[in-house]
Amino acid sequence: MKKLPKYDILLNYSDVMDPIKRALKIAIKQGGSIYETGIKYKGYDLAIEELATVLSPDEALSAEILKYTKEDQGRDVYDAILNITFCLGIEQGRRMLRRNLDILRDLLDMSKRHLEAIIKQ
């Protein structure tokens, strides 16, 4: 599993979706035996904000957890893969928001300095 890049770098679509598509293809190909083997996820880990409430992709796609969530909660491997996709989408949105906030902070700082310069005159 890969670590997420620095918070201000947007995630590349292929870097996010190719491992998701791979996991889906494995799940389809293996069918019910996926609950005995699990899936070795090769994509990004989740952000710390998501890991506070959900399992990492490696854990969520392990045979042990897949079997447990199927039997105990009625969720299948596709639910696990979709949840990973959803969480990575949240992270991408957070990254986009941070970039915009950084731009706004810079504009506010520039405006403040400009206003202070005007007041001093």
C-alpha atoms as a PDB file:
ATOM      1  CA  MET A   1       0.000   0.000   0.000  1.00  0.00           C
ATOM      2  CA  LYS A   2       1.232   3.484  -0.825  1.00  0.00           C
ATOM      3  CA  LYS A   3       1.380   6.462   1.514  1.00  0.00           C
ATOM      4  CA  LEU A   4      -0.527   9.545   0.460  1.00  0.00           C
ATOM      5  CA  PRO A   5       1.627  12.350  -0.959  1.00  0.00           C
ATOM      6  CA  LYS A   6       2.050  15.657   0.846  1.00  0.00           C
ATOM      7  CA  TYR A   7      -1.330  17.212   1.672  1.00  0.00           C
ATOM      8  CA  ASP A   8      -1.151  19.979  -0.963  1.00  0.00           C
ATOM      9  CA  ILE A   9      -0.617  17.599  -3.909  1.00  0.00           C
ATOM     10  CA  LEU A  10      -3.740  16.447  -5.737  1.00  0.00           C
ATOM     11  CA  LEU A  11      -4.043  12.729  -6.324  1.00  0.00           C
ATOM     12  CA  ASN A  12      -3.665  11.512  -9.886  1.00  0.00           C
ATOM     13  CA  TYR A  13      -6.809   9.797 -11.168  1.00  0.00           C
ATOM     14  CA  SER A  14      -4.962   6.709 -12.402  1.00  0.00           C
ATOM     15  CA  ASP A  15      -3.012   6.399  -9.152  1.00  0.00           C
ATOM     16  CA  VAL A  16      -6.320   6.225  -7.290  1.00  0.00           C
ATOM     17  CA  MET A  17      -8.516   4.308  -9.710  1.00  0.00           C
ATOM     18  CA  ASP A  18      -6.169   1.700 -11.190  1.00  0.00           C
ATOM     19  CA  PRO A  19      -5.771  -0.139  -7.842  1.00  0.00           C
ATOM     20  CA  ILE A  20      -9.538   0.128  -7.286  1.00  0.00           C
ATOM     21  CA  LYS A  21     -10.248  -1.360 -10.718  1.00  0.00           C
ATOM     22  CA  ARG A  22      -7.678  -4.098 -10.052  1.00  0.00           C
ATOM     23  CA  ALA A  23      -9.402  -4.966  -6.765  1.00  0.00           C
ATOM     24  CA  LEU A  24     -12.793  -5.103  -8.513  1.00  0.00           C
ATOM     25  CA  LYS A  25     -11.442  -7.379 -11.244  1.00  0.00           C
ATOM     26  CA  ILE A  26      -9.935  -9.734  -8.647  1.00  0.00           C
ATOM     27  CA  ALA A  27     -13.214  -9.787  -6.701  1.00  0.00           C
ATOM     28  CA  ILE A  28     -15.197 -10.607  -9.848  1.00  0.00           C
ATOM     29  CA  LYS A  29     -12.742 -13.262 -11.026  1.00  0.00           C
ATOM     30  CA  GLN A  30     -12.457 -15.028  -7.659  1.00  0.00           C
ATOM     31  CA  GLY A  31     -16.120 -14.814  -6.740  1.00  0.00           C
ATOM     32  CA  GLY A  32     -16.948 -16.342  -3.366  1.00  0.00           C
ATOM     33  CA  SER A  33     -13.394 -17.571  -2.801  1.00  0.00           C
ATOM     34  CA  ILE A  34     -12.375 -13.930  -2.229  1.00  0.00           C
ATOM     35  CA  TYR A  35     -13.540 -14.359   1.360  1.00  0.00           C
ATOM     36  CA  GLU A  36     -10.857 -17.012   1.823  1.00  0.00           C
ATOM     37  CA  THR A  37      -8.008 -15.183   0.067  1.00  0.00           C
ATOM     38  CA  GLY A  38      -8.666 -11.457   0.435  1.00  0.00           C
ATOM     39  CA  ILE A  39      -7.184  -8.884  -1.919  1.00  0.00           C
ATOM     40  CA  LYS A  40      -3.699  -7.402  -1.755  1.00  0.00           C
ATOM     41  CA  TYR A  41      -4.478  -3.712  -2.272  1.00  0.00           C
ATOM     42  CA  LYS A  42      -1.777  -1.743  -4.083  1.00  0.00           C
ATOM     43  CA  GLY A  43      -3.217   1.765  -3.925  1.00  0.00           C
ATOM     44  CA  TYR A  44      -3.084   4.666  -1.520  1.00  0.00           C
ATOM     45  CA  ASP A  45      -3.762   4.267   2.171  1.00  0.00           C
ATOM     46  CA  LEU A  46      -6.495   6.436   3.644  1.00  0.00           C
ATOM     47  CA  ALA A  47      -5.885   9.743   5.378  1.00  0.00           C
ATOM     48  CA  ILE A  48      -5.635   9.895   9.144  1.00  0.00           C
ATOM     49  CA  GLU A  49      -9.064  11.571   9.301  1.00  0.00           C
ATOM     50  CA  GLU A  50     -10.717   8.499   7.742  1.00  0.00           C
ATOM     51  CA  LEU A  51      -8.540   5.993   9.607  1.00  0.00           C
ATOM     52  CA  ALA A  52     -10.027   7.337  12.833  1.00  0.00           C
ATOM     53  CA  THR A  53     -13.329   5.673  11.897  1.00  0.00           C
ATOM     54  CA  VAL A  54     -12.671   3.060   9.175  1.00  0.00           C
ATOM     55  CA  LEU A  55     -10.149   0.317   8.544  1.00  0.00           C
ATOM     56  CA  SER A  56      -7.197   0.791   6.220  1.00  0.00           C
ATOM     57  CA  PRO A  57      -7.673  -0.735   2.754  1.00  0.00           C
ATOM     58  CA  ASP A  58      -5.217  -3.543   3.582  1.00  0.00           C
ATOM     59  CA  GLU A  59      -7.273  -4.474   6.648  1.00  0.00           C
ATOM     60  CA  ALA A  60     -10.665  -3.991   4.986  1.00  0.00           C
ATOM     61  CA  LEU A  61      -9.688  -6.279   2.084  1.00  0.00           C
ATOM     62  CA  SER A  62      -8.063  -8.970   4.206  1.00  0.00           C
ATOM     63  CA  ALA A  63      -9.765 -12.366   4.133  1.00  0.00           C
ATOM     64  CA  GLU A  64     -10.469 -12.212   7.858  1.00  0.00           C
ATOM     65  CA  ILE A  65     -12.245  -8.836   7.734  1.00  0.00           C
ATOM     66  CA  LEU A  66     -14.055  -9.566   4.454  1.00  0.00           C
ATOM     67  CA  LYS A  67     -15.453 -12.753   5.952  1.00  0.00           C
ATOM     68  CA  TYR A  68     -16.425 -10.997   9.189  1.00  0.00           C
ATOM     69  CA  THR A  69     -18.194  -8.073   7.499  1.00  0.00           C
ATOM     70  CA  LYS A  70     -20.031 -10.464   5.155  1.00  0.00           C
ATOM     71  CA  GLU A  71     -21.263 -12.708   7.960  1.00  0.00           C
ATOM     72  CA  ASP A  72     -21.780 -10.116  10.700  1.00  0.00           C
ATOM     73  CA  GLN A  73     -22.839  -6.998   8.815  1.00  0.00           C
ATOM     74  CA  GLY A  74     -24.112  -8.293   5.477  1.00  0.00           C
ATOM     75  CA  ARG A  75     -21.560  -6.256   3.518  1.00  0.00           C
ATOM     76  CA  ASP A  76     -19.661  -7.841   0.664  1.00  0.00           C
ATOM     77  CA  VAL A  77     -16.306  -7.218  -0.949  1.00  0.00           C
ATOM     78  CA  TYR A  78     -17.855  -4.616  -3.276  1.00  0.00           C
ATOM     79  CA  ASP A  79     -19.014  -2.592  -0.272  1.00  0.00           C
ATOM     80  CA  ALA A  80     -15.437  -2.614   1.020  1.00  0.00           C
ATOM     81  CA  ILE A  81     -14.014  -1.489  -2.336  1.00  0.00           C
ATOM     82  CA  LEU A  82     -16.647   1.222  -2.743  1.00  0.00           C
ATOM     83  CA  ASN A  83     -15.953   2.484   0.774  1.00  0.00           C
ATOM     84  CA  ILE A  84     -12.238   2.815  -0.047  1.00  0.00           C
ATOM     85  CA  THR A  85     -13.142   4.706  -3.227  1.00  0.00           C
ATOM     86  CA  PHE A  86     -15.485   6.999  -1.287  1.00  0.00           C
ATOM     87  CA  CYS A  87     -12.846   7.746   1.367  1.00  0.00           C
ATOM     88  CA  LEU A  88     -10.210   8.538  -1.268  1.00  0.00           C
ATOM     89  CA  GLY A  89     -12.711  10.847  -2.967  1.00  0.00           C
ATOM     90  CA  ILE A  90     -13.195  12.680   0.327  1.00  0.00           C
ATOM     91  CA  GLU A  91      -9.419  13.026   0.616  1.00  0.00           C
ATOM     92  CA  GLN A  92      -9.170  14.462  -2.906  1.00  0.00           C
ATOM     93  CA  GLY A  93     -11.882  16.996  -2.049  1.00  0.00           C
ATOM     94  CA  ARG A  94     -10.048  17.913   1.144  1.00  0.00           C
ATOM     95  CA  ARG A  95      -6.869  18.459  -0.877  1.00  0.00           C
ATOM     96  CA  MET A  96      -8.688  20.709  -3.347  1.00  0.00           C
ATOM     97  CA  LEU A  97     -10.181  22.706  -0.494  1.00  0.00           C
ATOM     98  CA  ARG A  98      -6.785  23.117   1.182  1.00  0.00           C
ATOM     99  CA  ARG A  99      -5.302  24.460  -2.046  1.00  0.00           C
ATOM    100  CA  ASN A 100      -8.091  27.024  -2.296  1.00  0.00           C
ATOM    101  CA  LEU A 101      -7.693  27.958   1.364  1.00  0.00           C
ATOM    102  CA  ASP A 102      -3.953  28.472   0.858  1.00  0.00           C
ATOM    103  CA  ILE A 103      -4.703  30.827  -2.050  1.00  0.00           C
ATOM    104  CA  LEU A 104      -7.262  32.721   0.052  1.00  0.00           C
ATOM    105  CA  ARG A 105      -4.805  33.036   2.941  1.00  0.00           C
ATOM    106  CA  ASP A 106      -2.203  34.461   0.573  1.00  0.00           C
ATOM    107  CA  LEU A 107      -4.735  36.953  -0.798  1.00  0.00           C
ATOM    108  CA  LEU A 108      -5.788  37.984   2.704  1.00  0.00           C
ATOM    109  CA  ASP A 109      -2.166  38.469   3.759  1.00  0.00           C
ATOM    110  CA  MET A 110      -1.474  40.539   0.654  1.00  0.00           C
ATOM    111  CA  SER A 111      -4.610  42.641   1.249  1.00  0.00           C
ATOM    112  CA  LYS A 112      -3.662  43.166   4.884  1.00  0.00           C
ATOM    113  CA  ARG A 113      -0.154  44.349   3.955  1.00  0.00           C
ATOM    114  CA  HIS A 114      -1.588  46.625   1.272  1.00  0.00           C
ATOM    115  CA  LEU A 115      -4.122  48.101   3.706  1.00  0.00           C
ATOM    116  CA  GLU A 116      -1.437  48.642   6.351  1.00  0.00           C
ATOM    117  CA  ALA A 117       0.714  50.434   3.763  1.00  0.00           C
ATOM    118  CA  ILE A 118      -2.209  52.714   2.843  1.00  0.00           C
ATOM    119  CA  ILE A 119      -2.950  53.520   6.507  1.00  0.00           C
ATOM    120  CA  LYS A 120       0.696  54.434   7.127  1.00  0.00           C
ATOM    121  CA  GLN A 121       0.627  57.017   4.318  1.00  0.00           C
END
